[in-house]
Protein backbone atom coordinates (compact mmCIF):
# COMPACT_ATOMS: atom_id res chain seq x y z
CA MET A 1 -28.33 -21.42 4.74
CA THR A 2 -28.28 -17.75 5.66
CA ARG A 3 -25.94 -14.79 5.78
CA GLU A 4 -26.03 -15.00 9.57
CA ALA A 5 -24.81 -18.59 9.40
CA ALA A 6 -21.93 -17.60 7.12
CA VAL A 7 -20.83 -14.77 9.42
CA ALA A 8 -21.08 -17.09 12.43
CA ALA A 9 -18.89 -19.61 10.59
CA ALA A 10 -16.32 -16.88 10.01
CA TYR A 11 -16.08 -16.08 13.71
CA GLU A 12 -15.89 -19.79 14.52
CA GLN A 13 -13.00 -20.33 12.09
CA VAL A 14 -10.94 -17.84 14.09
CA ASP A 15 -12.18 -18.93 17.53
CA SER A 16 -11.48 -22.61 16.82
CA GLY A 17 -7.88 -21.94 15.85
CA ALA A 18 -8.35 -23.12 12.25
CA PHE A 19 -7.51 -19.74 10.75
CA PHE A 20 -4.48 -19.40 13.04
CA GLU A 21 -3.16 -22.74 11.78
CA THR A 22 -3.59 -21.71 8.15
CA LEU A 23 -1.81 -18.42 8.73
CA ALA A 24 0.96 -20.07 10.77
CA ARG A 25 2.04 -22.34 7.93
CA ARG A 26 2.06 -19.40 5.52
CA ILE A 27 4.08 -17.18 7.87
CA ALA A 28 6.65 -20.00 8.15
CA VAL A 29 7.66 -19.55 4.49
CA PRO A 30 10.30 -16.74 4.43
CA THR A 31 9.10 -14.90 1.34
CA ALA A 32 11.17 -11.73 1.80
CA SER A 33 11.36 -10.40 -1.76
CA SER A 34 14.50 -8.35 -1.09
CA GLU A 35 16.51 -11.49 -0.29
CA ALA A 36 14.50 -14.63 -1.16
CA THR A 37 14.79 -16.80 -4.26
CA ALA A 38 12.15 -17.70 -6.82
CA ASP A 39 12.10 -21.23 -5.33
CA VAL A 40 10.78 -19.85 -2.03
CA MET A 41 8.01 -17.97 -3.83
CA HIS A 42 7.06 -21.09 -5.78
CA GLU A 43 7.02 -23.05 -2.50
CA TYR A 44 4.51 -20.56 -1.08
CA PHE A 45 2.28 -20.86 -4.13
CA ASP A 46 2.64 -24.64 -4.57
CA ALA A 47 2.31 -25.70 -0.93
CA GLN A 48 0.31 -22.92 0.73
CA ILE A 49 -2.06 -21.45 -1.83
CA THR A 50 -2.71 -23.80 -4.74
CA PRO A 51 -4.03 -26.80 -2.72
CA ASP A 52 -6.38 -24.59 -0.70
CA LEU A 53 -7.79 -22.89 -3.79
CA GLU A 54 -8.14 -26.10 -5.80
CA ALA A 55 -10.16 -27.52 -2.89
CA LEU A 56 -12.55 -24.59 -3.42
CA GLY A 57 -12.98 -25.39 -7.11
CA TYR A 58 -10.49 -22.86 -8.48
CA THR A 59 -8.26 -23.47 -11.46
CA VAL A 60 -4.79 -22.28 -10.49
CA GLU A 61 -1.88 -21.34 -12.71
CA VAL A 62 1.51 -19.87 -11.79
CA TYR A 63 3.17 -17.62 -14.36
CA ALA A 64 6.69 -16.36 -14.89
CA ASN A 65 7.26 -12.66 -14.36
CA PRO A 66 7.85 -10.66 -17.57
CA ALA A 67 10.45 -8.64 -15.66
CA PRO A 68 13.83 -10.41 -16.01
CA ASP A 69 14.54 -10.57 -12.26
CA GLY A 70 10.92 -10.59 -11.09
CA PHE A 71 9.24 -13.28 -9.03
CA PRO A 72 6.19 -15.29 -10.18
CA PHE A 73 2.49 -14.44 -10.30
CA LEU A 74 -0.49 -16.67 -9.49
CA ILE A 75 -3.93 -16.46 -11.07
CA ALA A 76 -6.78 -18.58 -9.73
CA THR A 77 -10.21 -18.59 -11.36
CA ARG A 78 -13.61 -19.97 -10.45
CA VAL A 79 -16.26 -19.41 -13.12
CA GLU A 80 -19.81 -20.18 -12.01
CA ASP A 81 -21.68 -18.56 -14.89
CA GLU A 82 -20.39 -16.32 -17.67
CA SER A 83 -23.38 -14.03 -17.16
CA LEU A 84 -22.45 -13.28 -13.53
CA PRO A 85 -20.23 -10.40 -12.44
CA THR A 86 -16.58 -11.18 -11.75
CA VAL A 87 -14.71 -10.05 -8.64
CA LEU A 88 -10.92 -9.78 -8.84
CA THR A 89 -9.17 -10.22 -5.49
CA TYR A 90 -5.52 -9.14 -5.11
CA GLY A 91 -2.84 -9.79 -2.53
CA HIS A 92 0.92 -10.15 -2.29
CA ALA A 93 2.77 -13.15 -0.92
CA ASP A 94 6.08 -11.38 -0.37
CA VAL A 95 7.16 -9.62 2.81
CA VAL A 96 10.00 -7.33 3.87
CA ARG A 97 13.17 -8.89 5.34
CA GLY A 98 12.68 -10.63 8.67
CA GLN A 99 15.21 -8.67 10.82
CA ALA A 100 15.24 -11.70 13.12
CA ASP A 101 17.87 -10.31 15.50
CA ARG A 102 15.67 -7.33 16.40
CA TRP A 103 12.49 -9.11 17.50
CA ALA A 104 11.68 -8.99 21.22
CA GLU A 105 10.73 -11.68 23.75
CA GLY A 106 12.32 -14.52 21.77
CA ARG A 107 9.94 -14.05 18.85
CA SER A 108 10.86 -15.20 15.35
CA PRO A 109 9.60 -13.46 12.20
CA TRP A 110 8.88 -16.88 10.66
CA GLU A 111 6.83 -18.29 13.54
CA LEU A 112 3.30 -17.09 14.24
CA ARG A 113 3.10 -16.34 17.96
CA ASP A 114 -0.20 -15.92 19.85
CA GLU A 115 0.26 -13.49 22.74
CA GLY A 116 -3.09 -12.46 24.13
CA ASP A 117 -4.84 -10.29 21.57
CA ARG A 118 -1.76 -10.06 19.33
CA TRP A 119 -0.46 -12.45 16.68
CA TYR A 120 3.20 -11.81 15.89
CA GLY A 121 5.02 -12.76 12.68
CA ARG A 122 6.45 -11.29 9.50
CA GLY A 123 3.62 -10.87 7.02
CA THR A 124 0.81 -10.88 9.55
CA ALA A 125 -0.17 -7.30 8.81
CA ASP A 126 1.43 -7.10 5.38
CA ASN A 127 0.00 -9.07 3.62
CA LYS A 128 -0.39 -12.77 4.42
CA ALA A 129 -3.10 -12.41 7.07
CA GLN A 130 -5.01 -10.03 4.82
CA HIS A 131 -5.10 -12.17 1.68
CA SER A 132 -5.61 -15.28 3.83
CA ILE A 133 -8.72 -13.67 5.31
CA ASN A 134 -10.11 -13.00 1.85
CA ILE A 135 -9.42 -16.52 0.61
CA SER A 136 -10.98 -18.03 3.73
CA ALA A 137 -14.03 -15.78 3.41
CA LEU A 138 -14.60 -17.01 -0.14
CA GLY A 139 -14.43 -20.56 1.17
CA ILE A 140 -16.95 -19.85 3.92
CA VAL A 141 -19.45 -18.38 1.45
CA LEU A 142 -19.02 -21.44 -0.78
CA ALA A 143 -19.48 -23.84 2.12
CA THR A 144 -22.56 -22.01 3.40
CA ARG A 145 -24.37 -21.14 0.18
CA GLY A 146 -23.00 -23.84 -2.09
CA ARG A 147 -21.83 -21.22 -4.56
CA LEU A 148 -20.41 -17.71 -4.54
CA GLY A 149 -23.06 -16.15 -6.75
CA PHE A 150 -20.34 -14.45 -8.81
CA ASN A 151 -17.22 -15.42 -10.70
CA SER A 152 -14.00 -15.09 -8.77
CA THR A 153 -10.45 -14.38 -9.92
CA ILE A 154 -7.55 -14.16 -7.47
CA LEU A 155 -4.26 -12.50 -8.37
CA LEU A 156 -1.27 -12.92 -6.06
CA GLU A 157 2.11 -11.37 -6.74
CA THR A 158 5.46 -11.88 -5.02
CA GLY A 159 7.22 -8.54 -5.51
CA GLU A 160 5.06 -5.79 -4.03
CA GLU A 161 7.59 -4.96 -1.33
CA VAL A 162 10.23 -4.22 -3.99
CA GLY A 163 7.98 -2.10 -6.21
CA SER A 164 5.90 -4.77 -8.01
CA PRO A 165 8.32 -5.30 -10.91
CA GLY A 166 6.53 -6.69 -13.94
CA LEU A 167 3.02 -6.26 -12.54
CA ARG A 168 1.90 -3.71 -15.12
CA GLU A 169 3.35 -5.72 -18.01
CA PHE A 170 1.83 -8.92 -16.63
CA CYS A 171 -1.63 -7.38 -16.40
CA GLU A 172 -1.27 -5.99 -19.92
CA GLN A 173 -0.42 -9.47 -21.17
CA HIS A 174 -3.22 -11.18 -19.23
CA THR A 175 -6.12 -8.75 -19.50
CA ALA A 176 -8.44 -11.54 -20.69
CA GLU A 177 -7.74 -13.73 -17.66
CA LEU A 178 -8.03 -10.75 -15.31
CA GLN A 179 -11.16 -9.21 -16.81
CA ALA A 180 -13.55 -8.33 -13.98
CA ASP A 181 -16.19 -5.90 -12.79
CA VAL A 182 -14.45 -4.78 -9.61
CA LEU A 183 -11.29 -5.34 -7.59
CA ILE A 184 -11.78 -6.06 -3.92
CA GLY A 185 -8.51 -6.31 -2.00
CA SER A 186 -7.04 -5.86 1.46
CA ASP A 187 -3.75 -4.18 2.35
CA GLY A 188 -2.48 -1.60 4.80
CA PRO A 189 -4.00 -0.50 8.09
CA ARG A 190 -7.34 0.97 9.04
CA LEU A 191 -7.19 4.59 10.14
CA HIS A 192 -8.41 3.55 13.58
CA ARG A 193 -8.51 0.09 15.11
CA ASP A 194 -12.13 0.50 16.23
CA ARG A 195 -13.54 1.68 12.91
CA PRO A 196 -13.67 -0.43 9.74
CA LEU A 197 -12.41 1.24 6.58
CA VAL A 198 -13.33 1.18 2.91
CA MET A 199 -10.88 3.04 0.69
CA GLY A 200 -11.14 3.47 -3.04
CA GLY A 201 -7.58 4.24 -4.10
CA THR A 202 -4.17 5.44 -3.03
CA ARG A 203 -1.88 8.41 -3.36
CA GLY A 204 0.77 8.03 -6.00
CA VAL A 205 4.46 8.11 -5.16
CA ILE A 206 7.67 9.01 -6.94
CA ASN A 207 11.18 9.17 -5.46
CA PHE A 208 13.96 11.22 -7.01
CA ASP A 209 17.45 12.52 -6.33
CA LEU A 210 18.57 16.14 -6.39
CA THR A 211 22.30 16.58 -6.98
CA VAL A 212 24.65 19.56 -7.11
CA ASP A 213 28.08 18.48 -8.36
CA LEU A 214 30.33 21.52 -8.74
CA ARG A 215 33.97 20.36 -8.82
CA PRO A 216 36.21 17.27 -8.56
CA GLY A 217 37.24 17.64 -4.91
CA GLY A 218 37.05 19.65 -1.70
CA HIS A 219 39.04 22.83 -1.01
CA HIS A 220 40.28 24.44 2.22
CA SER A 221 37.50 26.58 3.67
CA GLY A 222 39.95 29.19 4.93
CA ASN A 223 41.76 29.69 1.65
CA TRP A 224 38.71 29.38 -0.57
CA GLY A 225 35.79 30.28 1.67
CA GLY A 226 33.82 33.13 0.09
CA LEU A 227 35.26 32.37 -3.35
CA LEU A 228 33.70 28.99 -4.14
CA ARG A 229 30.02 28.21 -4.38
CA ASN A 230 28.98 25.75 -1.67
CA PRO A 231 26.91 22.86 -3.13
CA GLY A 232 25.17 22.18 0.20
CA ALA A 233 23.98 25.79 0.45
CA VAL A 234 22.90 25.79 -3.20
CA LEU A 235 20.90 22.59 -2.76
CA ALA A 236 19.32 23.81 0.50
CA ASN A 237 18.14 26.96 -1.25
CA ALA A 238 16.85 24.95 -4.20
CA ILE A 239 14.79 22.78 -1.84
CA ALA A 240 13.51 25.94 -0.16
CA SER A 241 12.20 27.03 -3.56
CA ILE A 242 10.25 23.76 -3.84
CA ILE A 243 8.62 23.92 -0.41
CA ASP A 244 8.38 26.83 2.01
CA ARG A 245 9.34 26.77 5.69
CA ASP A 246 5.82 25.63 6.66
CA GLY A 247 5.60 22.81 4.15
CA ALA A 248 3.50 24.44 1.42
CA ILE A 249 4.42 23.25 -2.07
CA ARG A 250 5.64 25.99 -4.45
CA VAL A 251 5.87 24.03 -7.72
CA PRO A 252 2.67 25.11 -9.54
CA GLU A 253 2.13 21.79 -11.33
CA TRP A 254 2.37 19.93 -8.02
CA ARG A 255 -0.64 21.73 -6.55
CA PRO A 256 -3.70 19.58 -7.40
CA ASP A 257 -7.13 20.87 -8.34
CA SER A 258 -8.95 17.72 -7.22
CA LEU A 259 -9.84 18.62 -3.61
CA THR A 260 -13.51 19.04 -4.44
CA ASP A 261 -16.38 19.73 -2.07
CA GLU A 262 -17.36 16.05 -2.41
CA VAL A 263 -13.90 14.89 -1.35
CA ARG A 264 -13.84 17.38 1.53
CA ALA A 265 -17.20 16.07 2.72
CA ALA A 266 -15.96 12.47 2.59
CA LEU A 267 -12.90 13.37 4.66
CA ALA A 268 -14.70 15.52 7.23
CA ASP A 269 -15.52 12.74 9.72
CA ILE A 270 -12.38 10.63 9.29
CA GLU A 271 -10.42 10.05 12.50
CA ILE A 272 -6.67 9.29 12.37
CA GLU A 273 -5.68 7.06 15.30
CA GLN A 274 -2.98 8.57 17.52
CA GLY A 275 -1.45 5.72 19.53
CA ASP A 276 1.11 5.99 22.31
CA ASP A 277 4.02 5.75 19.86
CA ALA A 278 2.55 8.07 17.23
CA PRO A 279 4.09 11.50 16.66
CA GLU A 280 2.07 14.59 17.44
CA ILE A 281 0.48 16.09 14.33
CA ASP A 282 1.88 19.56 13.56
CA PRO A 283 -1.15 21.79 12.88
CA THR A 284 0.99 24.46 11.17
CA TRP A 285 2.74 22.18 8.67
CA GLY A 286 1.51 21.80 5.10
CA GLU A 287 -0.87 23.65 2.83
CA PRO A 288 -2.56 26.54 4.69
CA GLY A 289 -6.30 26.28 5.10
CA LEU A 290 -6.49 22.48 4.92
CA THR A 291 -7.50 20.13 7.70
CA PRO A 292 -5.10 17.32 8.68
CA ASN A 293 -7.30 14.84 6.78
CA GLU A 294 -7.24 17.00 3.67
CA ARG A 295 -3.47 17.39 3.83
CA VAL A 296 -2.79 13.64 3.90
CA TYR A 297 -5.65 12.29 1.77
CA GLY A 298 -6.54 15.20 -0.49
CA TRP A 299 -3.24 16.98 -1.18
CA ASN A 300 0.35 16.37 -2.26
CA ALA A 301 3.28 16.04 0.13
CA PHE A 302 6.94 16.70 -0.71
CA GLU A 303 9.48 15.07 1.61
CA VAL A 304 13.27 15.24 1.93
CA LEU A 305 14.18 11.72 3.01
CA ALA A 306 17.97 12.17 3.10
CA PHE A 307 20.45 15.02 2.60
CA GLU A 308 24.23 14.74 2.41
CA THR A 309 27.15 17.03 1.71
CA GLY A 310 30.75 16.63 2.79
CA ASN A 311 31.39 13.91 5.36
CA PRO A 312 28.70 14.23 8.06
CA LYS A 313 30.33 11.71 10.41
CA ALA A 314 33.80 13.24 10.19
CA PRO A 315 33.59 16.83 8.87
CA VAL A 316 36.75 18.67 7.88
CA ASN A 317 37.49 22.31 7.14
CA ALA A 318 36.90 21.97 3.43
CA ILE A 319 34.21 23.22 1.07
CA PRO A 320 32.64 20.01 -0.26
CA PRO A 321 32.42 19.46 -4.01
CA ARG A 322 29.00 17.84 -4.04
CA ALA A 323 25.62 17.70 -2.30
CA SER A 324 22.69 15.37 -2.81
CA ALA A 325 19.20 14.84 -1.45
CA HIS A 326 16.86 11.88 -1.82
CA CYS A 327 13.31 13.22 -2.07
CA GLN A 328 9.77 12.02 -2.55
CA LEU A 329 6.42 13.31 -3.73
CA ARG A 330 3.22 11.61 -2.58
CA PHE A 331 0.52 12.85 -4.92
CA VAL A 332 -3.22 12.62 -5.42
CA VAL A 333 -5.44 12.40 -8.46
CA GLY A 334 -5.26 15.72 -10.30
CA THR A 335 -1.46 15.62 -10.54
CA ASP A 336 0.06 14.55 -13.88
CA GLY A 337 2.45 11.78 -12.86
CA ASP A 338 4.33 11.95 -16.16
CA ASP A 339 4.98 15.66 -15.65
CA ILE A 340 6.24 15.57 -12.06
CA ILE A 341 9.94 15.44 -12.92
CA PRO A 342 9.74 17.74 -15.98
CA ALA A 343 7.72 20.25 -13.92
CA LEU A 344 10.37 20.21 -11.21
CA ARG A 345 13.13 20.81 -13.74
CA ARG A 346 11.20 23.76 -15.20
CA HIS A 347 10.63 25.16 -11.72
CA LEU A 348 14.31 24.95 -10.73
CA GLU A 349 15.32 26.61 -13.99
CA ARG A 350 12.89 29.47 -13.35
CA GLU A 351 14.14 29.84 -9.78
CA GLY A 352 17.76 30.10 -10.90
CA PHE A 353 19.06 26.63 -10.04
CA PRO A 354 20.19 25.17 -13.39
CA GLU A 355 23.05 23.34 -11.61
CA VAL A 356 20.61 21.07 -9.70
CA GLU A 357 20.34 17.74 -11.48
CA VAL A 358 17.07 15.83 -11.06
CA THR A 359 17.11 12.05 -11.44
CA GLN A 360 14.11 9.79 -10.95
CA ALA A 361 15.15 7.10 -8.48
CA ASP A 362 12.20 4.74 -8.25
CA VAL A 363 9.32 3.37 -10.27
CA LEU A 364 6.34 5.68 -10.35
CA MET A 365 3.10 4.49 -8.75
CA GLY A 366 0.17 6.50 -10.04
CA ALA A 367 -2.56 8.12 -7.98
CA THR A 368 -6.05 6.60 -7.91
CA ARG A 369 -9.34 7.53 -6.30
CA LEU A 370 -12.85 6.11 -6.17
CA ASP A 371 -15.92 8.27 -5.61
CA PRO A 372 -17.34 7.27 -2.22
CA THR A 373 -20.79 7.17 -3.81
CA ASP A 374 -19.68 4.43 -6.23
CA PRO A 375 -22.06 1.44 -5.94
CA TRP A 376 -19.24 -0.99 -5.06
CA ALA A 377 -17.98 1.27 -2.28
CA GLN A 378 -21.51 1.67 -0.98
CA LEU A 379 -22.12 -2.09 -1.10
CA ALA A 380 -18.98 -2.71 0.95
CA ALA A 381 -19.81 -0.02 3.50
CA ALA A 382 -23.41 -1.19 3.94
CA SER A 383 -22.28 -4.81 4.23
CA ILE A 384 -19.70 -3.97 6.89
CA GLU A 385 -22.22 -2.08 9.00
CA GLU A 386 -24.66 -4.99 8.78
CA THR A 387 -21.96 -7.45 9.85
CA VAL A 388 -20.31 -5.64 12.77
CA GLY A 389 -22.81 -2.89 13.56
CA THR A 390 -20.22 -0.15 13.11
CA PRO A 391 -20.28 2.33 10.20
CA ALA A 392 -17.18 2.15 8.04
CA ASP A 393 -14.99 5.12 7.21
CA LEU A 394 -15.30 5.75 3.47
CA LEU A 395 -12.01 7.12 2.17
CA PRO A 396 -11.64 8.22 -1.49
CA ASN A 397 -7.95 7.27 -1.33
CA ALA A 398 -5.36 6.30 1.24
CA GLY A 399 -2.33 8.40 2.08
CA GLY A 400 0.07 5.58 1.25
CA SER A 401 0.70 3.92 -2.10
CA LEU A 402 -0.05 0.62 -3.80
CA PRO A 403 0.23 -0.44 -7.46
CA ASN A 404 -3.50 0.33 -7.67
CA ASP A 405 -3.05 2.32 -10.89
CA VAL A 406 -2.37 -0.97 -12.67
CA PHE A 407 -5.87 -2.14 -11.81
CA THR A 408 -7.59 1.15 -12.60
CA ASP A 409 -5.63 2.10 -15.73
CA VAL A 410 -4.70 -1.24 -17.31
CA LEU A 411 -7.71 -3.32 -16.28
CA GLY A 412 -10.19 -0.42 -16.05
CA LEU A 413 -11.62 -1.49 -12.69
CA PRO A 414 -13.21 0.33 -9.78
CA THR A 415 -11.17 -0.68 -6.73
CA VAL A 416 -12.37 -1.27 -3.18
CA TRP A 417 -9.85 -1.87 -0.41
CA VAL A 418 -10.90 -3.19 3.00
CA PRO A 419 -7.85 -3.39 5.31
CA HIS A 420 -7.66 -5.68 8.33
CA SER A 421 -4.65 -4.20 10.15
CA TYR A 422 -4.26 -1.12 12.39
CA PRO A 423 -1.82 1.81 12.70
CA GLY A 424 0.27 0.31 15.52
CA CYS A 425 0.98 -3.04 13.79
CA ASN A 426 4.75 -2.49 13.34
CA GLN A 427 4.37 -3.09 9.62
CA HIS A 428 7.83 -3.41 7.98
CA ALA A 429 9.46 -3.36 11.44
CA PRO A 430 10.44 -5.95 14.05
CA ASN A 431 7.52 -7.38 16.05
CA GLU A 432 5.02 -7.01 13.20
CA HIS A 433 1.64 -8.19 14.41
CA VAL A 434 -2.11 -8.16 13.95
CA LEU A 435 -4.88 -7.90 16.52
CA LEU A 436 -7.06 -10.93 17.20
CA PRO A 437 -10.28 -8.83 17.32
CA LEU A 438 -9.48 -7.45 13.85
CA MET A 439 -8.83 -10.96 12.53
CA ARG A 440 -12.24 -12.06 13.82
CA ASP A 441 -14.05 -9.03 12.47
CA GLY A 442 -12.00 -9.02 9.26
CA LEU A 443 -12.98 -12.56 8.34
CA ALA A 444 -16.61 -11.84 9.22
CA ILE A 445 -16.56 -8.57 7.25
CA MET A 446 -15.17 -10.16 4.09
CA THR A 447 -17.56 -13.08 4.38
CA GLY A 448 -20.41 -10.56 4.54
CA ILE A 449 -19.09 -8.56 1.56
CA PHE A 450 -18.69 -11.66 -0.61
CA TRP A 451 -22.08 -12.96 0.51
CA ASP A 452 -23.76 -9.67 -0.35
CA THR A 453 -22.00 -9.50 -3.72
CA GLY A 454 -23.47 -12.88 -4.61
CA HIS A 455 -26.81 -12.00 -3.07
CA GLN A 456 -27.31 -9.32 -5.75
CA VAL A 457 -28.03 -12.07 -8.28
CA ASP A 458 -29.85 -14.53 -5.97
């Protein structure tokens, strides 16, 4: 049997409705990690994943999470020959909360709905359709060729939407079972619905709180105005020392040195889709001299996500005692993740804001990047073009974040991500959906990539 036959089988699996049926039963399990129980996650693994993988000759084991309140992990392995390369495939079974009361047209987050070229349901874009495509593609290659031509390990977690608790520790404990030559996974959207994407890493992310707490309570602004330091004004000026009025970062350690000529060249032809609901890009915001692509994929971004002082909903004539801001730094390779908070504290001290307390609020996800000339990235890009006839965008790293640093740092793997969603998918929002054409091409693309990976040793 041939590659062409395998790709044709991939299109037929979608056109016949077989893939829709598989995805529908997986969407029906409400695996929202912010509110589900471990029993629901085990149900997804035991009823939806394990039987399908065992039918493909995988050995499947479900493990407890080393994090006390974490949900389980699944590892499935198929070893064809110890001398062959091993491909690790990752996905996450959990989703964000359903928000059932906010879905339109009578849709339910836990029912896959086919409406023309759109399939609606919680987890379609993130991440059930994406890991289901990859599992189905492996099955198509097996059915067509009789073997994969490589060893396959599949890792599924159930806590990505709440920060992947325990993932790093789990991978440290199971490095032998997860040993591989490359990670090939699918998550997030393409940059443009009409252009396939291969991305090699992600920006890192860290959230933190800035607090100015000056006194126990508020005081009359007439009697004390001009005599008491205002915490809101102090915090606003502190933030203005971190980032200027046009968005340029002023903390020296937060300005990366990794925007090389090679990275600039890789980003030069990338097109960011601007749909009807997308905001207009501000050409004057961010680091001067950078293109929009370079600002989001090659540079760091500081954001103020929330700011509060006094009582915003019912202000009174009193100088508030306290102000706080919830902030975030998205950062690229070339930024020392362990020094982000210490560097900020040093900066605020230098700028004269010792009263601003900095507290890390969330787990740090590190920054990762893969050279677009890496052989695995090139294999994926060439395979995609052969399958669908369209060149793939080759992105050194995405603008968003994934726990990709676990795979690069703990397991030492090059990572290749091939997403099957698009920017307008309503990911994390009501009416989450995927596009039927991207499901068809996605399954064909992954079938081609897995076929070509095995073809290297034919």
